[in-house]
Amino acid sequence: MNNQFPHASPDQYFWAANGTIIRNIPELAYALEGMDPYHFQQHVNEQKNDFSTWITSTLGDGALATQLQGKDQKEHQIILLKHMINAMR
C-alpha cells in the first residue's frame, strides 16, 4: 500500500515530538493513532499545523494539507484515512 504514496527523502522525514519518524501519509495516519494529545498539540495548535505544512512542503499535496487546517486529532485521522482509501480506488 505505501508504494502508492509519495515518500519523503530522508532529510525531509517528519520527526514527531514523541520520537516517531514519518515518511508518508500512511505512516502519519498510523502515528496519529498512537500519539497522545500532548504530543499532538506540540504539532497542531492555534498557531500552527506542522502536519499540514509538512504535507504541503514535502509531499506536495496542498489540497490534503488544507483539509487538515483547524482540525483535531481524530479529524486528522479520518481525513488521512479517507485520503488513503480514495487513493487506492
PDB file of N, CA and C in Angstrom:
ATOM      1  N   MET A   1       0.817  -1.198   0.000  1.00  0.00           N
ATOM      2  CA  MET A   1       0.000   0.000   0.000  1.00  0.00           C
ATOM      3  C   MET A   1       0.859   1.260   0.000  1.00  0.00           C
ATOM      4  N   ASN A   2       1.957   1.294   0.755  1.00  0.00           N
ATOM      5  CA  ASN A   2       2.763   2.503   0.858  1.00  0.00           C
ATOM      6  C   ASN A   2       3.379   2.928  -0.465  1.00  0.00           C
ATOM      7  N   ASN A   3       3.491   2.014  -1.436  1.00  0.00           N
ATOM      8  CA  ASN A   3       4.080   2.365  -2.719  1.00  0.00           C
ATOM      9  C   ASN A   3       3.224   3.360  -3.490  1.00  0.00           C
ATOM     10  N   GLN A   4       1.936   3.465  -3.165  1.00  0.00           N
ATOM     11  CA  GLN A   4       1.038   4.391  -3.836  1.00  0.00           C
ATOM     12  C   GLN A   4       1.198   5.817  -3.329  1.00  0.00           C
ATOM     13  N   PHE A   5       1.897   5.990  -2.250  1.00  0.00           N
ATOM     14  CA  PHE A   5       2.002   7.297  -1.611  1.00  0.00           C
ATOM     15  C   PHE A   5       3.445   7.780  -1.661  1.00  0.00           C
ATOM     16  N   PRO A   6       3.627   9.059  -1.991  1.00  0.00           N
ATOM     17  CA  PRO A   6       4.998   9.585  -2.046  1.00  0.00           C
ATOM     18  C   PRO A   6       5.696   9.487  -0.690  1.00  0.00           C
ATOM     19  N   HIS A   7       6.961   9.157  -0.744  1.00  0.00           N
ATOM     20  CA  HIS A   7       7.799   9.111   0.456  1.00  0.00           C
ATOM     21  C   HIS A   7       8.670  10.357   0.508  1.00  0.00           C
ATOM     22  N   ALA A   8       8.836  10.882   1.671  1.00  0.00           N
ATOM     23  CA  ALA A   8       9.781  11.981   1.862  1.00  0.00           C
ATOM     24  C   ALA A   8      11.197  11.418   1.765  1.00  0.00           C
ATOM     25  N   SER A   9      12.105  12.238   1.301  1.00  0.00           N
ATOM     26  CA  SER A   9      13.503  11.820   1.309  1.00  0.00           C
ATOM     27  C   SER A   9      13.986  11.854   2.762  1.00  0.00           C
ATOM     28  N   PRO A  10      15.021  11.093   3.081  1.00  0.00           N
ATOM     29  CA  PRO A  10      15.474  11.008   4.473  1.00  0.00           C
ATOM     30  C   PRO A  10      15.708  12.361   5.153  1.00  0.00           C
ATOM     31  N   ASP A  11      16.178  13.344   4.412  1.00  0.00           N
ATOM     32  CA  ASP A  11      16.421  14.643   5.037  1.00  0.00           C
ATOM     33  C   ASP A  11      15.134  15.440   5.257  1.00  0.00           C
ATOM     34  N   GLN A  12      14.000  14.910   4.783  1.00  0.00           N
ATOM     35  CA  GLN A  12      12.720  15.591   4.964  1.00  0.00           C
ATOM     36  C   GLN A  12      11.704  14.753   5.744  1.00  0.00           C
ATOM     37  N   TYR A  13      12.163  13.685   6.387  1.00  0.00           N
ATOM     38  CA  TYR A  13      11.260  12.908   7.237  1.00  0.00           C
ATOM     39  C   TYR A  13      10.691  13.826   8.305  1.00  0.00           C
ATOM     40  N   PHE A  14       9.483  13.529   8.743  1.00  0.00           N
ATOM     41  CA  PHE A  14       8.867  14.289   9.834  1.00  0.00           C
ATOM     42  C   PHE A  14       9.235  13.607  11.135  1.00  0.00           C
ATOM     43  N   TRP A  15       9.880  14.334  12.003  1.00  0.00           N
ATOM     44  CA  TRP A  15      10.264  13.820  13.316  1.00  0.00           C
ATOM     45  C   TRP A  15       9.252  14.357  14.322  1.00  0.00           C
ATOM     46  N   ALA A  16       8.348  13.503  14.770  1.00  0.00           N
ATOM     47  CA  ALA A  16       7.307  13.913  15.707  1.00  0.00           C
ATOM     48  C   ALA A  16       7.898  14.126  17.101  1.00  0.00           C
ATOM     49  N   ALA A  17       7.211  14.914  17.884  1.00  0.00           N
ATOM     50  CA  ALA A  17       7.664  15.252  19.230  1.00  0.00           C
ATOM     51  C   ALA A  17       7.812  14.015  20.125  1.00  0.00           C
ATOM     52  N   ASN A  18       7.093  12.942  19.808  1.00  0.00           N
ATOM     53  CA  ASN A  18       7.193  11.722  20.615  1.00  0.00           C
ATOM     54  C   ASN A  18       8.284  10.781  20.104  1.00  0.00           C
ATOM     55  N   GLY A  19       9.053  11.211  19.102  1.00  0.00           N
ATOM     56  CA  GLY A  19      10.160  10.421  18.584  1.00  0.00           C
ATOM     57  C   GLY A  19       9.838   9.603  17.342  1.00  0.00           C
ATOM     58  N   THR A  20       8.590   9.573  16.931  1.00  0.00           N
ATOM     59  CA  THR A  20       8.193   8.824  15.748  1.00  0.00           C
ATOM     60  C   THR A  20       8.715   9.512  14.486  1.00  0.00           C
ATOM     61  N   ILE A  21       9.216   8.714  13.569  1.00  0.00           N
ATOM     62  CA  ILE A  21       9.685   9.224  12.281  1.00  0.00           C
ATOM     63  C   ILE A  21       8.644   8.852  11.229  1.00  0.00           C
ATOM     64  N   ILE A  22       8.212   9.856  10.462  1.00  0.00           N
ATOM     65  CA  ILE A  22       7.138   9.674   9.493  1.00  0.00           C
ATOM     66  C   ILE A  22       7.667  10.005   8.101  1.00  0.00           C
ATOM     67  N   ARG A  23       7.394   9.080   7.149  1.00  0.00           N
ATOM     68  CA  ARG A  23       7.890   9.259   5.785  1.00  0.00           C
ATOM     69  C   ARG A  23       6.792   9.496   4.761  1.00  0.00           C
ATOM     70  N   ASN A  24       5.539   9.173   5.102  1.00  0.00           N
ATOM     71  CA  ASN A  24       4.461   9.276   4.122  1.00  0.00           C
ATOM     72  C   ASN A  24       3.105   9.368   4.832  1.00  0.00           C
ATOM     73  N   ILE A  25       2.040   9.467   4.058  1.00  0.00           N
ATOM     74  CA  ILE A  25       0.696   9.625   4.618  1.00  0.00           C
ATOM     75  C   ILE A  25       0.264   8.407   5.444  1.00  0.00           C
ATOM     76  N   PRO A  26       0.432   7.172   4.974  1.00  0.00           N
ATOM     77  CA  PRO A  26       0.044   6.033   5.812  1.00  0.00           C
ATOM     78  C   PRO A  26       0.783   6.006   7.152  1.00  0.00           C
ATOM     79  N   GLU A  27       2.047   6.355   7.141  1.00  0.00           N
ATOM     80  CA  GLU A  27       2.798   6.385   8.403  1.00  0.00           C
ATOM     81  C   GLU A  27       2.292   7.496   9.315  1.00  0.00           C
ATOM     82  N   LEU A  28       1.884   8.619   8.746  1.00  0.00           N
ATOM     83  CA  LEU A  28       1.313   9.698   9.553  1.00  0.00           C
ATOM     84  C   LEU A  28      -0.005   9.254  10.176  1.00  0.00           C
ATOM     85  N   ALA A  29      -0.873   8.622   9.387  1.00  0.00           N
ATOM     86  CA  ALA A  29      -2.151   8.136   9.915  1.00  0.00           C
ATOM     87  C   ALA A  29      -1.915   7.149  11.053  1.00  0.00           C
ATOM     88  N   TYR A  30      -0.967   6.241  10.873  1.00  0.00           N
ATOM     89  CA  TYR A  30      -0.648   5.261  11.909  1.00  0.00           C
ATOM     90  C   TYR A  30      -0.059   5.935  13.153  1.00  0.00           C
ATOM     91  N   ALA A  31       0.796   6.911  12.949  1.00  0.00           N
ATOM     92  CA  ALA A  31       1.422   7.618  14.075  1.00  0.00           C
ATOM     93  C   ALA A  31       0.382   8.365  14.898  1.00  0.00           C
ATOM     94  N   LEU A  32      -0.603   8.943  14.237  1.00  0.00           N
ATOM     95  CA  LEU A  32      -1.643   9.678  14.956  1.00  0.00           C
ATOM     96  C   LEU A  32      -2.478   8.754  15.828  1.00  0.00           C
ATOM     97  N   GLU A  33      -2.625   7.503  15.410  1.00  0.00           N
ATOM     98  CA  GLU A  33      -3.398   6.533  16.180  1.00  0.00           C
ATOM     99  C   GLU A  33      -2.812   6.345  17.582  1.00  0.00           C
ATOM    100  N   GLY A  34      -1.498   6.309  17.676  1.00  0.00           N
ATOM    101  CA  GLY A  34      -0.860   6.066  18.962  1.00  0.00           C
ATOM    102  C   GLY A  34      -0.323   7.304  19.654  1.00  0.00           C
ATOM    103  N   MET A  35      -0.533   8.467  19.069  1.00  0.00           N
ATOM    104  CA  MET A  35       0.017   9.704  19.624  1.00  0.00           C
ATOM    105  C   MET A  35      -0.879  10.248  20.735  1.00  0.00           C
ATOM    106  N   ASP A  36      -0.265  10.578  21.857  1.00  0.00           N
ATOM    107  CA  ASP A  36      -1.065  11.149  22.940  1.00  0.00           C
ATOM    108  C   ASP A  36      -1.378  12.614  22.636  1.00  0.00           C
ATOM    109  N   PRO A  37      -2.438  13.149  23.243  1.00  0.00           N
ATOM    110  CA  PRO A  37      -2.858  14.527  22.952  1.00  0.00           C
ATOM    111  C   PRO A  37      -1.765  15.570  23.188  1.00  0.00           C
ATOM    112  N   TYR A  38      -0.937  15.372  24.193  1.00  0.00           N
ATOM    113  CA  TYR A  38       0.138  16.330  24.466  1.00  0.00           C
ATOM    114  C   TYR A  38       1.069  16.467  23.260  1.00  0.00           C
ATOM    115  N   HIS A  39       1.503  15.339  22.729  1.00  0.00           N
ATOM    116  CA  HIS A  39       2.422  15.384  21.591  1.00  0.00           C
ATOM    117  C   HIS A  39       1.728  15.886  20.331  1.00  0.00           C
ATOM    118  N   PHE A  40       0.456  15.548  20.151  1.00  0.00           N
ATOM    119  CA  PHE A  40      -0.279  16.086  19.004  1.00  0.00           C
ATOM    120  C   PHE A  40      -0.310  17.602  19.079  1.00  0.00           C
ATOM    121  N   GLN A  41      -0.574  18.151  20.243  1.00  0.00           N
ATOM    122  CA  GLN A  41      -0.668  19.605  20.402  1.00  0.00           C
ATOM    123  C   GLN A  41       0.673  20.297  20.242  1.00  0.00           C
ATOM    124  N   GLN A  42       1.759  19.557  20.330  1.00  0.00           N
ATOM    125  CA  GLN A  42       3.070  20.136  20.043  1.00  0.00           C
ATOM    126  C   GLN A  42       3.179  20.487  18.556  1.00  0.00           C
ATOM    127  N   HIS A  43       2.407  19.782  17.752  1.00  0.00           N
ATOM    128  CA  HIS A  43       2.452  19.977  16.300  1.00  0.00           C
ATOM    129  C   HIS A  43       1.244  20.717  15.742  1.00  0.00           C
ATOM    130  N   VAL A  44       0.114  20.598  16.407  1.00  0.00           N
ATOM    131  CA  VAL A  44      -1.124  21.218  15.920  1.00  0.00           C
ATOM    132  C   VAL A  44      -1.752  22.008  17.048  1.00  0.00           C
ATOM    133  N   ASN A  45      -1.823  23.315  16.855  1.00  0.00           N
ATOM    134  CA  ASN A  45      -2.453  24.198  17.832  1.00  0.00           C
ATOM    135  C   ASN A  45      -2.938  25.447  17.111  1.00  0.00           C
ATOM    136  N   GLU A  46      -3.342  26.444  17.835  1.00  0.00           N
ATOM    137  CA  GLU A  46      -3.881  27.656  17.206  1.00  0.00           C
ATOM    138  C   GLU A  46      -2.846  28.395  16.356  1.00  0.00           C
ATOM    139  N   GLN A  47      -1.580  28.222  16.652  1.00  0.00           N
ATOM    140  CA  GLN A  47      -0.529  28.927  15.920  1.00  0.00           C
ATOM    141  C   GLN A  47      -0.002  28.181  14.699  1.00  0.00           C
ATOM    142  N   LYS A  48      -0.159  26.864  14.667  1.00  0.00           N
ATOM    143  CA  LYS A  48       0.474  26.114  13.579  1.00  0.00           C
ATOM    144  C   LYS A  48      -0.174  24.747  13.386  1.00  0.00           C
ATOM    145  N   ASN A  49       0.126  24.157  12.238  1.00  0.00           N
ATOM    146  CA  ASN A  49      -0.212  22.764  11.967  1.00  0.00           C
ATOM    147  C   ASN A  49       0.977  22.181  11.208  1.00  0.00           C
ATOM    148  N   ASP A  50       1.898  21.611  11.964  1.00  0.00           N
ATOM    149  CA  ASP A  50       3.124  21.081  11.365  1.00  0.00           C
ATOM    150  C   ASP A  50       2.838  19.970  10.355  1.00  0.00           C
ATOM    151  N   PHE A  51       1.814  19.159  10.612  1.00  0.00           N
ATOM    152  CA  PHE A  51       1.500  18.069   9.687  1.00  0.00           C
ATOM    153  C   PHE A  51       1.046  18.631   8.342  1.00  0.00           C
ATOM    154  N   SER A  52       0.181  19.614   8.384  1.00  0.00           N
ATOM    155  CA  SER A  52      -0.304  20.256   7.168  1.00  0.00           C
ATOM    156  C   SER A  52       0.858  20.898   6.402  1.00  0.00           C
ATOM    157  N   THR A  53       1.708  21.604   7.121  1.00  0.00           N
ATOM    158  CA  THR A  53       2.867  22.250   6.490  1.00  0.00           C
ATOM    159  C   THR A  53       3.775  21.219   5.838  1.00  0.00           C
ATOM    160  N   TRP A  54       4.036  20.113   6.528  1.00  0.00           N
ATOM    161  CA  TRP A  54       4.902  19.059   6.002  1.00  0.00           C
ATOM    162  C   TRP A  54       4.287  18.410   4.763  1.00  0.00           C
ATOM    163  N   ILE A  55       2.986  18.158   4.801  1.00  0.00           N
ATOM    164  CA  ILE A  55       2.311  17.544   3.655  1.00  0.00           C
ATOM    165  C   ILE A  55       2.424  18.440   2.428  1.00  0.00           C
ATOM    166  N   THR A  56       2.282  19.741   2.632  1.00  0.00           N
ATOM    167  CA  THR A  56       2.401  20.671   1.505  1.00  0.00           C
ATOM    168  C   THR A  56       3.837  20.768   1.016  1.00  0.00           C
ATOM    169  N   SER A  57       4.749  21.088   1.917  1.00  0.00           N
ATOM    170  CA  SER A  57       6.122  21.385   1.510  1.00  0.00           C
ATOM    171  C   SER A  57       6.925  20.157   1.110  1.00  0.00           C
ATOM    172  N   THR A  58       6.658  19.021   1.723  1.00  0.00           N
ATOM    173  CA  THR A  58       7.464  17.832   1.462  1.00  0.00           C
ATOM    174  C   THR A  58       6.792  16.864   0.503  1.00  0.00           C
ATOM    175  N   LEU A  59       5.502  16.618   0.699  1.00  0.00           N
ATOM    176  CA  LEU A  59       4.803  15.645  -0.128  1.00  0.00           C
ATOM    177  C   LEU A  59       4.060  16.287  -1.295  1.00  0.00           C
ATOM    178  N   GLY A  60       3.951  17.615  -1.283  1.00  0.00           N
ATOM    179  CA  GLY A  60       3.359  18.333  -2.400  1.00  0.00           C
ATOM    180  C   GLY A  60       1.860  18.187  -2.560  1.00  0.00           C
ATOM    181  N   ASP A  61       1.155  17.925  -1.467  1.00  0.00           N
ATOM    182  CA  ASP A  61      -0.301  17.744  -1.548  1.00  0.00           C
ATOM    183  C   ASP A  61      -1.009  18.864  -0.785  1.00  0.00           C
ATOM    184  N   GLY A  62      -1.093  20.018  -1.428  1.00  0.00           N
ATOM    185  CA  GLY A  62      -1.718  21.178  -0.804  1.00  0.00           C
ATOM    186  C   GLY A  62      -3.185  20.984  -0.506  1.00  0.00           C
ATOM    187  N   ALA A  63      -3.889  20.230  -1.353  1.00  0.00           N
ATOM    188  CA  ALA A  63      -5.323  20.003  -1.135  1.00  0.00           C
ATOM    189  C   ALA A  63      -5.553  19.216   0.156  1.00  0.00           C
ATOM    190  N   LEU A  64      -4.787  18.166   0.364  1.00  0.00           N
ATOM    191  CA  LEU A  64      -4.912  17.389   1.596  1.00  0.00           C
ATOM    192  C   LEU A  64      -4.520  18.239   2.795  1.00  0.00           C
ATOM    193  N   ALA A  65      -3.455  18.979   2.675  1.00  0.00           N
ATOM    194  CA  ALA A  65      -2.985  19.833   3.765  1.00  0.00           C
ATOM    195  C   ALA A  65      -4.054  20.837   4.175  1.00  0.00           C
ATOM    196  N   THR A  66      -4.745  21.408   3.215  1.00  0.00           N
ATOM    197  CA  THR A  66      -5.802  22.376   3.509  1.00  0.00           C
ATOM    198  C   THR A  66      -6.942  21.728   4.281  1.00  0.00           C
ATOM    199  N   GLN A  67      -7.256  20.492   3.966  1.00  0.00           N
ATOM    200  CA  GLN A  67      -8.322  19.787   4.675  1.00  0.00           C
ATOM    201  C   GLN A  67      -8.013  19.607   6.161  1.00  0.00           C
ATOM    202  N   LEU A  68      -6.743  19.565   6.506  1.00  0.00           N
ATOM    203  CA  LEU A  68      -6.343  19.332   7.899  1.00  0.00           C
ATOM    204  C   LEU A  68      -6.368  20.596   8.752  1.00  0.00           C
ATOM    205  N   GLN A  69      -6.419  21.746   8.131  1.00  0.00           N
ATOM    206  CA  GLN A  69      -6.377  23.003   8.879  1.00  0.00           C
ATOM    207  C   GLN A  69      -7.571  23.112   9.827  1.00  0.00           C
ATOM    208  N   GLY A  70      -7.301  23.478  11.071  1.00  0.00           N
ATOM    209  CA  GLY A  70      -8.352  23.692  12.057  1.00  0.00           C
ATOM    210  C   GLY A  70      -9.011  22.427  12.566  1.00  0.00           C
ATOM    211  N   LYS A  71      -8.405  21.277  12.351  1.00  0.00           N
ATOM    212  CA  LYS A  71      -8.998  20.004  12.751  1.00  0.00           C
ATOM    213  C   LYS A  71      -8.283  19.428  13.964  1.00  0.00           C
ATOM    214  N   ASP A  72      -9.020  18.631  14.740  1.00  0.00           N
ATOM    215  CA  ASP A  72      -8.422  17.974  15.899  1.00  0.00           C
ATOM    216  C   ASP A  72      -7.788  16.642  15.491  1.00  0.00           C
ATOM    217  N   GLN A  73      -7.271  15.917  16.450  1.00  0.00           N
ATOM    218  CA  GLN A  73      -6.522  14.699  16.157  1.00  0.00           C
ATOM    219  C   GLN A  73      -7.379  13.639  15.475  1.00  0.00           C
ATOM    220  N   LYS A  74      -8.571  13.392  15.978  1.00  0.00           N
ATOM    221  CA  LYS A  74      -9.439  12.384  15.361  1.00  0.00           C
ATOM    222  C   LYS A  74      -9.829  12.792  13.945  1.00  0.00           C
ATOM    223  N   GLU A  75     -10.100  14.070  13.746  1.00  0.00           N
ATOM    224  CA  GLU A  75     -10.449  14.550  12.409  1.00  0.00           C
ATOM    225  C   GLU A  75      -9.263  14.389  11.456  1.00  0.00           C
ATOM    226  N   HIS A  76      -8.049  14.615  11.949  1.00  0.00           N
ATOM    227  CA  HIS A  76      -6.849  14.379  11.135  1.00  0.00           C
ATOM    228  C   HIS A  76      -6.838  12.918  10.673  1.00  0.00           C
ATOM    229  N   GLN A  77      -7.052  12.014  11.611  1.00  0.00           N
ATOM    230  CA  GLN A  77      -7.031  10.588  11.281  1.00  0.00           C
ATOM    231  C   GLN A  77      -8.085  10.251  10.234  1.00  0.00           C
ATOM    232  N   ILE A  78      -9.293  10.735  10.406  1.00  0.00           N
ATOM    233  CA  ILE A  78     -10.377  10.436   9.472  1.00  0.00           C
ATOM    234  C   ILE A  78     -10.053  10.961   8.083  1.00  0.00           C
ATOM    235  N   ILE A  79      -9.592  12.191   8.016  1.00  0.00           N
ATOM    236  CA  ILE A  79      -9.243  12.799   6.718  1.00  0.00           C
ATOM    237  C   ILE A  79      -8.130  12.004   6.039  1.00  0.00           C
ATOM    238  N   LEU A  80      -7.105  11.626   6.802  1.00  0.00           N
ATOM    239  CA  LEU A  80      -5.994  10.869   6.211  1.00  0.00           C
ATOM    240  C   LEU A  80      -6.443   9.495   5.743  1.00  0.00           C
ATOM    241  N   LEU A  81      -7.276   8.827   6.525  1.00  0.00           N
ATOM    242  CA  LEU A  81      -7.761   7.501   6.128  1.00  0.00           C
ATOM    243  C   LEU A  81      -8.648   7.585   4.887  1.00  0.00           C
ATOM    244  N   LYS A  82      -9.509   8.572   4.818  1.00  0.00           N
ATOM    245  CA  LYS A  82     -10.334   8.762   3.619  1.00  0.00           C
ATOM    246  C   LYS A  82      -9.451   9.024   2.406  1.00  0.00           C
ATOM    247  N   HIS A  83      -8.425   9.834   2.592  1.00  0.00           N
ATOM    248  CA  HIS A  83      -7.488  10.127   1.509  1.00  0.00           C
ATOM    249  C   HIS A  83      -6.820   8.836   1.015  1.00  0.00           C
ATOM    250  N   MET A  84      -6.418   7.989   1.940  1.00  0.00           N
ATOM    251  CA  MET A  84      -5.755   6.735   1.578  1.00  0.00           C
ATOM    252  C   MET A  84      -6.719   5.811   0.829  1.00  0.00           C
ATOM    253  N   ILE A  85      -7.947   5.729   1.287  1.00  0.00           N
ATOM    254  CA  ILE A  85      -8.948   4.881   0.620  1.00  0.00           C
ATOM    255  C   ILE A  85      -9.195   5.373  -0.792  1.00  0.00           C
ATOM    256  N   ASN A  86      -9.371   6.692  -0.936  1.00  0.00           N
ATOM    257  CA  ASN A  86      -9.602   7.244  -2.270  1.00  0.00           C
ATOM    258  C   ASN A  86      -8.423   7.019  -3.198  1.00  0.00           C
ATOM    259  N   ALA A  87      -7.224   7.061  -2.676  1.00  0.00           N
ATOM    260  CA  ALA A  87      -6.021   6.838  -3.493  1.00  0.00           C
ATOM    261  C   ALA A  87      -5.919   5.399  -3.981  1.00  0.00           C
ATOM    262  N   MET A  88      -6.512   4.477  -3.255  1.00  0.00           N
ATOM    263  CA  MET A  88      -6.450   3.059  -3.626  1.00  0.00           C
ATOM    264  C   MET A  88      -7.524   2.659  -4.623  1.00  0.00           C
ATOM    265  N   ARG A  89      -8.467   3.546  -4.880  1.00  0.00           N
ATOM    266  CA  ARG A  89      -9.550   3.214  -5.826  1.00  0.00           C
ATOM    267  C   ARG A  89      -9.070   3.244  -7.244  1.00  0.00           C
TER     268      ARG A  89
END
